[in-house]
Amino acid sequence: MESKAAEYTTTILDRCWLSKVTYELILSKPPSFDFSPGQRIHLYYGSTKREYSLVSSPTDSKLILCIRLVSDGVLSPELGNIKSNTRLQFTGPHGYFT
């Protein structure tokens, strides 16, 4: 069982489309946020929460999420259109697949 994870605020820095249905969401990395490869975060947008795996290295200065666009999804369409500089909340790190 996981312990309660810390809460953080991040800012959307950029989005890079890899295909018609896949994009990378690039986020600012809070200075105190540390994680191990294989862990994930719980990203919040309004009252919606979704889990995303971190694809960036723990030593990177930014956090990168690889997201598959689900046309009728709860959050992936929103994140595919959200403006840069939007602030989001997340908790983490979560997971032990390291």
PDB file of N, CA and C in Angstrom:
ATOM      1  N   MET A   1       0.841  -1.176   0.000  1.00  0.00           N
ATOM      2  CA  MET A   1       0.000   0.000   0.000  1.00  0.00           C
ATOM      3  C   MET A   1       0.891   1.246   0.000  1.00  0.00           C
ATOM      4  N   GLU A   2       0.542   2.220  -0.841  1.00  0.00           N
ATOM      5  CA  GLU A   2       1.323   3.435  -0.953  1.00  0.00           C
ATOM      6  C   GLU A   2       0.966   4.419   0.149  1.00  0.00           C
ATOM      7  N   SER A   3       1.972   5.165   0.591  1.00  0.00           N
ATOM      8  CA  SER A   3       1.707   6.225   1.552  1.00  0.00           C
ATOM      9  C   SER A   3       1.163   7.442   0.808  1.00  0.00           C
ATOM     10  N   LYS A   4       0.624   8.390   1.563  1.00  0.00           N
ATOM     11  CA  LYS A   4       0.079   9.602   0.954  1.00  0.00           C
ATOM     12  C   LYS A   4       1.200  10.363   0.251  1.00  0.00           C
ATOM     13  N   ALA A   5       1.005  10.654  -1.019  1.00  0.00           N
ATOM     14  CA  ALA A   5       2.010  11.340  -1.818  1.00  0.00           C
ATOM     15  C   ALA A   5       1.883  12.849  -1.644  1.00  0.00           C
ATOM     16  N   ALA A   6       2.992  13.527  -1.852  1.00  0.00           N
ATOM     17  CA  ALA A   6       3.016  14.983  -1.747  1.00  0.00           C
ATOM     18  C   ALA A   6       2.234  15.615  -2.892  1.00  0.00           C
ATOM     19  N   GLU A   7       1.735  16.826  -2.654  1.00  0.00           N
ATOM     20  CA  GLU A   7       1.003  17.579  -3.682  1.00  0.00           C
ATOM     21  C   GLU A   7       1.899  18.666  -4.244  1.00  0.00           C
ATOM     22  N   TYR A   8       1.798  18.876  -5.568  1.00  0.00           N
ATOM     23  CA  TYR A   8       2.636  19.844  -6.265  1.00  0.00           C
ATOM     24  C   TYR A   8       1.809  20.659  -7.245  1.00  0.00           C
ATOM     25  N   THR A   9       2.339  21.816  -7.607  1.00  0.00           N
ATOM     26  CA  THR A   9       1.779  22.635  -8.677  1.00  0.00           C
ATOM     27  C   THR A   9       2.789  22.654  -9.810  1.00  0.00           C
ATOM     28  N   THR A  10       2.291  22.541 -11.030  1.00  0.00           N
ATOM     29  CA  THR A  10       3.137  22.560 -12.215  1.00  0.00           C
ATOM     30  C   THR A  10       2.515  23.492 -13.245  1.00  0.00           C
ATOM     31  N   THR A  11       3.287  23.837 -14.244  1.00  0.00           N
ATOM     32  CA  THR A  11       2.823  24.686 -15.334  1.00  0.00           C
ATOM     33  C   THR A  11       3.077  23.970 -16.644  1.00  0.00           C
ATOM     34  N   ILE A  12       2.112  24.040 -17.552  1.00  0.00           N
ATOM     35  CA  ILE A  12       2.304  23.459 -18.879  1.00  0.00           C
ATOM     36  C   ILE A  12       3.267  24.353 -19.645  1.00  0.00           C
ATOM     37  N   LEU A  13       4.374  23.763 -20.084  1.00  0.00           N
ATOM     38  CA  LEU A  13       5.379  24.508 -20.838  1.00  0.00           C
ATOM     39  C   LEU A  13       5.177  24.363 -22.344  1.00  0.00           C
ATOM     40  N   ASP A  14       4.795  23.162 -22.765  1.00  0.00           N
ATOM     41  CA  ASP A  14       4.670  22.909 -24.205  1.00  0.00           C
ATOM     42  C   ASP A  14       3.933  21.593 -24.423  1.00  0.00           C
ATOM     43  N   ARG A  15       3.577  21.351 -25.677  1.00  0.00           N
ATOM     44  CA  ARG A  15       2.960  20.101 -26.107  1.00  0.00           C
ATOM     45  C   ARG A  15       3.586  19.759 -27.448  1.00  0.00           C
ATOM     46  N   CYS A  16       3.971  18.535 -27.618  1.00  0.00           N
ATOM     47  CA  CYS A  16       4.604  18.095 -28.861  1.00  0.00           C
ATOM     48  C   CYS A  16       3.829  16.885 -29.396  1.00  0.00           C
ATOM     49  N   TRP A  17       3.173  17.071 -30.530  1.00  0.00           N
ATOM     50  CA  TRP A  17       2.402  15.974 -31.123  1.00  0.00           C
ATOM     51  C   TRP A  17       3.355  15.002 -31.805  1.00  0.00           C
ATOM     52  N   LEU A  18       3.248  13.726 -31.443  1.00  0.00           N
ATOM     53  CA  LEU A  18       4.074  12.673 -32.015  1.00  0.00           C
ATOM     54  C   LEU A  18       3.360  11.961 -33.156  1.00  0.00           C
ATOM     55  N   SER A  19       2.034  11.965 -33.104  1.00  0.00           N
ATOM     56  CA  SER A  19       1.190  11.381 -34.152  1.00  0.00           C
ATOM     57  C   SER A  19      -0.180  12.042 -34.026  1.00  0.00           C
ATOM     58  N   LYS A  20      -1.149  11.580 -34.801  1.00  0.00           N
ATOM     59  CA  LYS A  20      -2.501  12.151 -34.711  1.00  0.00           C
ATOM     60  C   LYS A  20      -3.169  11.861 -33.373  1.00  0.00           C
ATOM     61  N   VAL A  21      -2.701  10.835 -32.671  1.00  0.00           N
ATOM     62  CA  VAL A  21      -3.352  10.438 -31.423  1.00  0.00           C
ATOM     63  C   VAL A  21      -2.402  10.353 -30.226  1.00  0.00           C
ATOM     64  N   THR A  22      -1.189  10.830 -30.379  1.00  0.00           N
ATOM     65  CA  THR A  22      -0.220  10.750 -29.290  1.00  0.00           C
ATOM     66  C   THR A  22       0.546  12.060 -29.175  1.00  0.00           C
ATOM     67  N   TYR A  23       0.669  12.547 -27.953  1.00  0.00           N
ATOM     68  CA  TYR A  23       1.440  13.762 -27.745  1.00  0.00           C
ATOM     69  C   TYR A  23       2.204  13.695 -26.426  1.00  0.00           C
ATOM     70  N   GLU A  24       3.254  14.497 -26.362  1.00  0.00           N
ATOM     71  CA  GLU A  24       3.984  14.675 -25.128  1.00  0.00           C
ATOM     72  C   GLU A  24       3.530  15.982 -24.500  1.00  0.00           C
ATOM     73  N   LEU A  25       3.233  15.936 -23.239  1.00  0.00           N
ATOM     74  CA  LEU A  25       2.892  17.135 -22.479  1.00  0.00           C
ATOM     75  C   LEU A  25       4.106  17.449 -21.610  1.00  0.00           C
ATOM     76  N   ILE A  26       4.652  18.643 -21.777  1.00  0.00           N
ATOM     77  CA  ILE A  26       5.867  19.038 -21.085  1.00  0.00           C
ATOM     78  C   ILE A  26       5.495  20.004 -19.962  1.00  0.00           C
ATOM     79  N   LEU A  27       5.871  19.635 -18.757  1.00  0.00           N
ATOM     80  CA  LEU A  27       5.490  20.369 -17.550  1.00  0.00           C
ATOM     81  C   LEU A  27       6.725  20.873 -16.812  1.00  0.00           C
ATOM     82  N   SER A  28       6.541  21.944 -16.065  1.00  0.00           N
ATOM     83  CA  SER A  28       7.618  22.397 -15.190  1.00  0.00           C
ATOM     84  C   SER A  28       7.795  21.363 -14.079  1.00  0.00           C
ATOM     85  N   LYS A  29       9.033  21.222 -13.628  1.00  0.00           N
ATOM     86  CA  LYS A  29       9.320  20.263 -12.556  1.00  0.00           C
ATOM     87  C   LYS A  29       9.537  21.031 -11.258  1.00  0.00           C
ATOM     88  N   PRO A  30       8.672  20.836 -10.280  1.00  0.00           N
ATOM     89  CA  PRO A  30       8.872  21.497  -8.989  1.00  0.00           C
ATOM     90  C   PRO A  30      10.246  21.118  -8.413  1.00  0.00           C
ATOM     91  N   PRO A  31      10.954  22.064  -7.844  1.00  0.00           N
ATOM     92  CA  PRO A  31      12.306  21.801  -7.339  1.00  0.00           C
ATOM     93  C   PRO A  31      12.392  20.648  -6.344  1.00  0.00           C
ATOM     94  N   SER A  32      11.373  20.442  -5.549  1.00  0.00           N
ATOM     95  CA  SER A  32      11.429  19.400  -4.521  1.00  0.00           C
ATOM     96  C   SER A  32      10.871  18.050  -4.983  1.00  0.00           C
ATOM     97  N   PHE A  33      10.498  17.933  -6.261  1.00  0.00           N
ATOM     98  CA  PHE A  33       9.897  16.689  -6.747  1.00  0.00           C
ATOM     99  C   PHE A  33      10.977  15.732  -7.238  1.00  0.00           C
ATOM    100  N   ASP A  34      11.054  14.564  -6.628  1.00  0.00           N
ATOM    101  CA  ASP A  34      11.977  13.505  -7.029  1.00  0.00           C
ATOM    102  C   ASP A  34      11.180  12.244  -7.311  1.00  0.00           C
ATOM    103  N   PHE A  35      11.634  11.481  -8.284  1.00  0.00           N
ATOM    104  CA  PHE A  35      10.970  10.225  -8.616  1.00  0.00           C
ATOM    105  C   PHE A  35      11.992   9.242  -9.162  1.00  0.00           C
ATOM    106  N   SER A  36      11.580   8.003  -9.272  1.00  0.00           N
ATOM    107  CA  SER A  36      12.403   6.947  -9.856  1.00  0.00           C
ATOM    108  C   SER A  36      11.793   6.536 -11.193  1.00  0.00           C
ATOM    109  N   PRO A  37      12.617   6.090 -12.140  1.00  0.00           N
ATOM    110  CA  PRO A  37      12.066   5.613 -13.416  1.00  0.00           C
ATOM    111  C   PRO A  37      11.012   4.537 -13.172  1.00  0.00           C
ATOM    112  N   GLY A  38       9.904   4.632 -13.894  1.00  0.00           N
ATOM    113  CA  GLY A  38       8.813   3.677 -13.752  1.00  0.00           C
ATOM    114  C   GLY A  38       7.674   4.179 -12.884  1.00  0.00           C
ATOM    115  N   GLN A  39       7.865   5.308 -12.228  1.00  0.00           N
ATOM    116  CA  GLN A  39       6.791   5.840 -11.394  1.00  0.00           C
ATOM    117  C   GLN A  39       5.858   6.730 -12.210  1.00  0.00           C
ATOM    118  N   ARG A  40       4.747   7.121 -11.596  1.00  0.00           N
ATOM    119  CA  ARG A  40       3.718   7.904 -12.272  1.00  0.00           C
ATOM    120  C   ARG A  40       3.241   9.020 -11.350  1.00  0.00           C
ATOM    121  N   ILE A  41       2.424   9.908 -11.909  1.00  0.00           N
ATOM    122  CA  ILE A  41       1.799  10.969 -11.123  1.00  0.00           C
ATOM    123  C   ILE A  41       0.295  10.903 -11.316  1.00  0.00           C
ATOM    124  N   HIS A  42      -0.442  11.501 -10.399  1.00  0.00           N
ATOM    125  CA  HIS A  42      -1.880  11.709 -10.536  1.00  0.00           C
ATOM    126  C   HIS A  42      -2.043  13.177 -10.886  1.00  0.00           C
ATOM    127  N   LEU A  43      -2.487  13.454 -12.101  1.00  0.00           N
ATOM    128  CA  LEU A  43      -2.642  14.821 -12.588  1.00  0.00           C
ATOM    129  C   LEU A  43      -4.086  15.250 -12.428  1.00  0.00           C
ATOM    130  N   TYR A  44      -4.286  16.466 -11.910  1.00  0.00           N
ATOM    131  CA  TYR A  44      -5.627  17.009 -11.673  1.00  0.00           C
ATOM    132  C   TYR A  44      -5.883  18.193 -12.588  1.00  0.00           C
ATOM    133  N   TYR A  45      -7.072  18.203 -13.172  1.00  0.00           N
ATOM    134  CA  TYR A  45      -7.525  19.351 -13.953  1.00  0.00           C
ATOM    135  C   TYR A  45      -8.973  19.581 -13.551  1.00  0.00           C
ATOM    136  N   GLY A  46      -9.219  20.637 -12.789  1.00  0.00           N
ATOM    137  CA  GLY A  46     -10.545  20.821 -12.208  1.00  0.00           C
ATOM    138  C   GLY A  46     -10.800  19.690 -11.231  1.00  0.00           C
ATOM    139  N   SER A  47     -11.924  19.026 -11.372  1.00  0.00           N
ATOM    140  CA  SER A  47     -12.246  17.911 -10.475  1.00  0.00           C
ATOM    141  C   SER A  47     -11.845  16.560 -11.067  1.00  0.00           C
ATOM    142  N   THR A  48     -11.190  16.569 -12.218  1.00  0.00           N
ATOM    143  CA  THR A  48     -10.800  15.330 -12.887  1.00  0.00           C
ATOM    144  C   THR A  48      -9.382  14.927 -12.504  1.00  0.00           C
ATOM    145  N   LYS A  49      -9.198  13.645 -12.218  1.00  0.00           N
ATOM    146  CA  LYS A  49      -7.885  13.100 -11.883  1.00  0.00           C
ATOM    147  C   LYS A  49      -7.593  11.918 -12.792  1.00  0.00           C
ATOM    148  N   ARG A  50      -6.376  11.899 -13.342  1.00  0.00           N
ATOM    149  CA  ARG A  50      -5.940  10.770 -14.162  1.00  0.00           C
ATOM    150  C   ARG A  50      -4.491  10.458 -13.833  1.00  0.00           C
ATOM    151  N   GLU A  51      -4.115   9.188 -14.006  1.00  0.00           N
ATOM    152  CA  GLU A  51      -2.737   8.756 -13.782  1.00  0.00           C
ATOM    153  C   GLU A  51      -1.963   8.808 -15.096  1.00  0.00           C
ATOM    154  N   TYR A  52      -0.741   9.298 -15.020  1.00  0.00           N
ATOM    155  CA  TYR A  52       0.138   9.338 -16.189  1.00  0.00           C
ATOM    156  C   TYR A  52       1.532   8.914 -15.782  1.00  0.00           C
ATOM    157  N   SER A  53       2.155   8.088 -16.615  1.00  0.00           N
ATOM    158  CA  SER A  53       3.531   7.670 -16.386  1.00  0.00           C
ATOM    159  C   SER A  53       4.476   8.782 -16.811  1.00  0.00           C
ATOM    160  N   LEU A  54       5.526   8.927 -16.047  1.00  0.00           N
ATOM    161  CA  LEU A  54       6.556   9.903 -16.366  1.00  0.00           C
ATOM    162  C   LEU A  54       7.519   9.276 -17.369  1.00  0.00           C
ATOM    163  N   VAL A  55       7.756   9.941 -18.483  1.00  0.00           N
ATOM    164  CA  VAL A  55       8.696   9.424 -19.482  1.00  0.00           C
ATOM    165  C   VAL A  55      10.008  10.189 -19.455  1.00  0.00           C
ATOM    166  N   SER A  56      10.070  11.253 -18.683  1.00  0.00           N
ATOM    167  CA  SER A  56      11.316  11.989 -18.535  1.00  0.00           C
ATOM    168  C   SER A  56      12.227  11.265 -17.545  1.00  0.00           C
ATOM    169  N   SER A  57      13.495  11.612 -17.600  1.00  0.00           N
ATOM    170  CA  SER A  57      14.466  11.077 -16.659  1.00  0.00           C
ATOM    171  C   SER A  57      14.361  11.843 -15.343  1.00  0.00           C
ATOM    172  N   PRO A  58      14.635  11.194 -14.226  1.00  0.00           N
ATOM    173  CA  PRO A  58      14.627  11.910 -12.948  1.00  0.00           C
ATOM    174  C   PRO A  58      15.603  13.090 -12.910  1.00  0.00           C
ATOM    175  N   THR A  59      16.618  13.082 -13.760  1.00  0.00           N
ATOM    176  CA  THR A  59      17.598  14.169 -13.778  1.00  0.00           C
ATOM    177  C   THR A  59      17.209  15.305 -14.724  1.00  0.00           C
ATOM    178  N   ASP A  60      16.138  15.127 -15.520  1.00  0.00           N
ATOM    179  CA  ASP A  60      15.684  16.185 -16.430  1.00  0.00           C
ATOM    180  C   ASP A  60      15.144  17.369 -15.646  1.00  0.00           C
ATOM    181  N   SER A  61      15.222  18.543 -16.245  1.00  0.00           N
ATOM    182  CA  SER A  61      14.724  19.757 -15.593  1.00  0.00           C
ATOM    183  C   SER A  61      13.221  19.947 -15.801  1.00  0.00           C
ATOM    184  N   LYS A  62      12.617  19.116 -16.653  1.00  0.00           N
ATOM    185  CA  LYS A  62      11.172  19.185 -16.928  1.00  0.00           C
ATOM    186  C   LYS A  62      10.571  17.802 -16.742  1.00  0.00           C
ATOM    187  N   LEU A  63       9.250  17.769 -16.560  1.00  0.00           N
ATOM    188  CA  LEU A  63       8.516  16.500 -16.520  1.00  0.00           C
ATOM    189  C   LEU A  63       7.844  16.303 -17.868  1.00  0.00           C
ATOM    190  N   ILE A  64       7.926  15.104 -18.403  1.00  0.00           N
ATOM    191  CA  ILE A  64       7.301  14.804 -19.689  1.00  0.00           C
ATOM    192  C   ILE A  64       6.368  13.616 -19.523  1.00  0.00           C
ATOM    193  N   LEU A  65       5.139  13.794 -20.017  1.00  0.00           N
ATOM    194  CA  LEU A  65       4.134  12.734 -20.031  1.00  0.00           C
ATOM    195  C   LEU A  65       3.831  12.399 -21.480  1.00  0.00           C
ATOM    196  N   CYS A  66       3.735  11.130 -21.811  1.00  0.00           N
ATOM    197  CA  CYS A  66       3.311  10.711 -23.152  1.00  0.00           C
ATOM    198  C   CYS A  66       1.844  10.295 -23.031  1.00  0.00           C
ATOM    199  N   ILE A  67       0.985  10.991 -23.796  1.00  0.00           N
ATOM    200  CA  ILE A  67      -0.458  10.821 -23.638  1.00  0.00           C
ATOM    201  C   ILE A  67      -1.091  10.377 -24.944  1.00  0.00           C
ATOM    202  N   ARG A  68      -1.929   9.363 -24.861  1.00  0.00           N
ATOM    203  CA  ARG A  68      -2.707   8.909 -26.014  1.00  0.00           C
ATOM    204  C   ARG A  68      -4.041   9.634 -25.994  1.00  0.00           C
ATOM    205  N   LEU A  69      -4.362  10.291 -27.091  1.00  0.00           N
ATOM    206  CA  LEU A  69      -5.625  11.013 -27.216  1.00  0.00           C
ATOM    207  C   LEU A  69      -6.771  10.024 -27.383  1.00  0.00           C
ATOM    208  N   VAL A  70      -7.702  10.059 -26.450  1.00  0.00           N
ATOM    209  CA  VAL A  70      -8.917   9.252 -26.523  1.00  0.00           C
ATOM    210  C   VAL A  70     -10.033  10.250 -26.818  1.00  0.00           C
ATOM    211  N   SER A  71     -10.634  10.158 -28.012  1.00  0.00           N
ATOM    212  CA  SER A  71     -11.567  11.196 -28.461  1.00  0.00           C
ATOM    213  C   SER A  71     -12.712  11.452 -27.481  1.00  0.00           C
ATOM    214  N   ASP A  72     -13.212  10.417 -26.817  1.00  0.00           N
ATOM    215  CA  ASP A  72     -14.277  10.622 -25.840  1.00  0.00           C
ATOM    216  C   ASP A  72     -13.746  10.469 -24.416  1.00  0.00           C
ATOM    217  N   GLY A  73     -12.437  10.633 -24.258  1.00  0.00           N
ATOM    218  CA  GLY A  73     -11.791  10.507 -22.956  1.00  0.00           C
ATOM    219  C   GLY A  73     -12.155  11.651 -22.027  1.00  0.00           C
ATOM    220  N   VAL A  74     -11.907  11.449 -20.763  1.00  0.00           N
ATOM    221  CA  VAL A  74     -12.239  12.435 -19.743  1.00  0.00           C
ATOM    222  C   VAL A  74     -11.234  13.578 -19.708  1.00  0.00           C
ATOM    223  N   LEU A  75      -9.944  13.274 -19.903  1.00  0.00           N
ATOM    224  CA  LEU A  75      -8.941  14.320 -19.755  1.00  0.00           C
ATOM    225  C   LEU A  75      -8.025  14.492 -20.963  1.00  0.00           C
ATOM    226  N   SER A  76      -7.739  13.446 -21.701  1.00  0.00           N
ATOM    227  CA  SER A  76      -6.763  13.578 -22.801  1.00  0.00           C
ATOM    228  C   SER A  76      -7.164  14.603 -23.863  1.00  0.00           C
ATOM    229  N   PRO A  77      -8.444  14.762 -24.233  1.00  0.00           N
ATOM    230  CA  PRO A  77      -8.784  15.827 -25.189  1.00  0.00           C
ATOM    231  C   PRO A  77      -8.543  17.221 -24.614  1.00  0.00           C
ATOM    232  N   GLU A  78      -8.852  17.404 -23.329  1.00  0.00           N
ATOM    233  CA  GLU A  78      -8.624  18.703 -22.674  1.00  0.00           C
ATOM    234  C   GLU A  78      -7.138  19.048 -22.686  1.00  0.00           C
ATOM    235  N   LEU A  79      -6.305  18.091 -22.285  1.00  0.00           N
ATOM    236  CA  LEU A  79      -4.873  18.341 -22.233  1.00  0.00           C
ATOM    237  C   LEU A  79      -4.286  18.531 -23.631  1.00  0.00           C
ATOM    238  N   GLY A  80      -4.922  17.954 -24.641  1.00  0.00           N
ATOM    239  CA  GLY A  80      -4.468  18.132 -26.019  1.00  0.00           C
ATOM    240  C   GLY A  80      -4.713  19.529 -26.545  1.00  0.00           C
ATOM    241  N   ASN A  81      -5.597  20.277 -25.895  1.00  0.00           N
ATOM    242  CA  ASN A  81      -5.941  21.637 -26.348  1.00  0.00           C
ATOM    243  C   ASN A  81      -5.617  22.721 -25.330  1.00  0.00           C
ATOM    244  N   ILE A  82      -5.228  22.355 -24.153  1.00  0.00           N
ATOM    245  CA  ILE A  82      -4.999  23.324 -23.081  1.00  0.00           C
ATOM    246  C   ILE A  82      -3.828  24.253 -23.437  1.00  0.00           C
ATOM    247  N   LYS A  83      -3.928  25.493 -23.008  1.00  0.00           N
ATOM    248  CA  LYS A  83      -2.910  26.495 -23.335  1.00  0.00           C
ATOM    249  C   LYS A  83      -1.660  26.339 -22.475  1.00  0.00           C
ATOM    250  N   SER A  84      -0.517  26.700 -23.067  1.00  0.00           N
ATOM    251  CA  SER A  84       0.725  26.765 -22.299  1.00  0.00           C
ATOM    252  C   SER A  84       0.543  27.768 -21.169  1.00  0.00           C
ATOM    253  N   ASN A  85       1.316  27.605 -20.136  1.00  0.00           N
ATOM    254  CA  ASN A  85       1.286  28.426 -18.919  1.00  0.00           C
ATOM    255  C   ASN A  85       0.100  28.133 -18.009  1.00  0.00           C
ATOM    256  N   THR A  86      -0.753  27.179 -18.373  1.00  0.00           N
ATOM    257  CA  THR A  86      -1.843  26.761 -17.487  1.00  0.00           C
ATOM    258  C   THR A  86      -1.236  26.005 -16.313  1.00  0.00           C
ATOM    259  N   ARG A  87      -1.720  26.311 -15.138  1.00  0.00           N
ATOM    260  CA  ARG A  87      -1.237  25.641 -13.927  1.00  0.00           C
ATOM    261  C   ARG A  87      -2.119  24.438 -13.616  1.00  0.00           C
ATOM    262  N   LEU A  88      -1.476  23.360 -13.221  1.00  0.00           N
ATOM    263  CA  LEU A  88      -2.158  22.125 -12.848  1.00  0.00           C
ATOM    264  C   LEU A  88      -1.604  21.635 -11.520  1.00  0.00           C
ATOM    265  N   GLN A  89      -2.351  20.774 -10.881  1.00  0.00           N
ATOM    266  CA  GLN A  89      -1.916  20.147  -9.637  1.00  0.00           C
ATOM    267  C   GLN A  89      -1.624  18.681  -9.926  1.00  0.00           C
ATOM    268  N   PHE A  90      -0.689  18.106  -9.178  1.00  0.00           N
ATOM    269  CA  PHE A  90      -0.469  16.672  -9.255  1.00  0.00           C
ATOM    270  C   PHE A  90       0.039  16.166  -7.926  1.00  0.00           C
ATOM    271  N   THR A  91      -0.113  14.865  -7.723  1.00  0.00           N
ATOM    272  CA  THR A  91       0.468  14.197  -6.568  1.00  0.00           C
ATOM    273  C   THR A  91       1.416  13.138  -7.066  1.00  0.00           C
ATOM    274  N   GLY A  92       2.359  12.794  -6.235  1.00  0.00           N
ATOM    275  CA  GLY A  92       3.294  11.763  -6.629  1.00  0.00           C
ATOM    276  C   GLY A  92       4.595  11.886  -5.859  1.00  0.00           C
ATOM    277  N   PRO A  93       5.501  11.050  -6.196  1.00  0.00           N
ATOM    278  CA  PRO A  93       5.344   9.993  -7.186  1.00  0.00           C
ATOM    279  C   PRO A  93       4.561   8.814  -6.619  1.00  0.00           C
ATOM    280  N   HIS A  94       3.974   8.053  -7.527  1.00  0.00           N
ATOM    281  CA  HIS A  94       3.221   6.858  -7.172  1.00  0.00           C
ATOM    282  C   HIS A  94       3.855   5.676  -7.899  1.00  0.00           C
ATOM    283  N   GLY A  95       3.667   4.510  -7.355  1.00  0.00           N
ATOM    284  CA  GLY A  95       4.081   3.288  -8.033  1.00  0.00           C
ATOM    285  C   GLY A  95       5.397   2.744  -7.538  1.00  0.00           C
ATOM    286  N   TYR A  96       5.557   1.481  -7.771  1.00  0.00           N
ATOM    287  CA  TYR A  96       6.745   0.777  -7.347  1.00  0.00           C
ATOM    288  C   TYR A  96       7.336  -0.052  -8.486  1.00  0.00           C
ATOM    289  N   PHE A  97       6.904   0.218  -9.733  1.00  0.00           N
ATOM    290  CA  PHE A  97       7.407  -0.495 -10.909  1.00  0.00           C
ATOM    291  C   PHE A  97       8.706   0.181 -11.337  1.00  0.00           C
ATOM    292  N   THR A  98       9.711   0.044 -10.506  1.00  0.00           N
ATOM    293  CA  THR A  98      10.978   0.738 -10.734  1.00  0.00           C
ATOM    294  C   THR A  98      12.111  -0.247 -10.930  1.00  0.00           C
TER     295      THR A  98
END
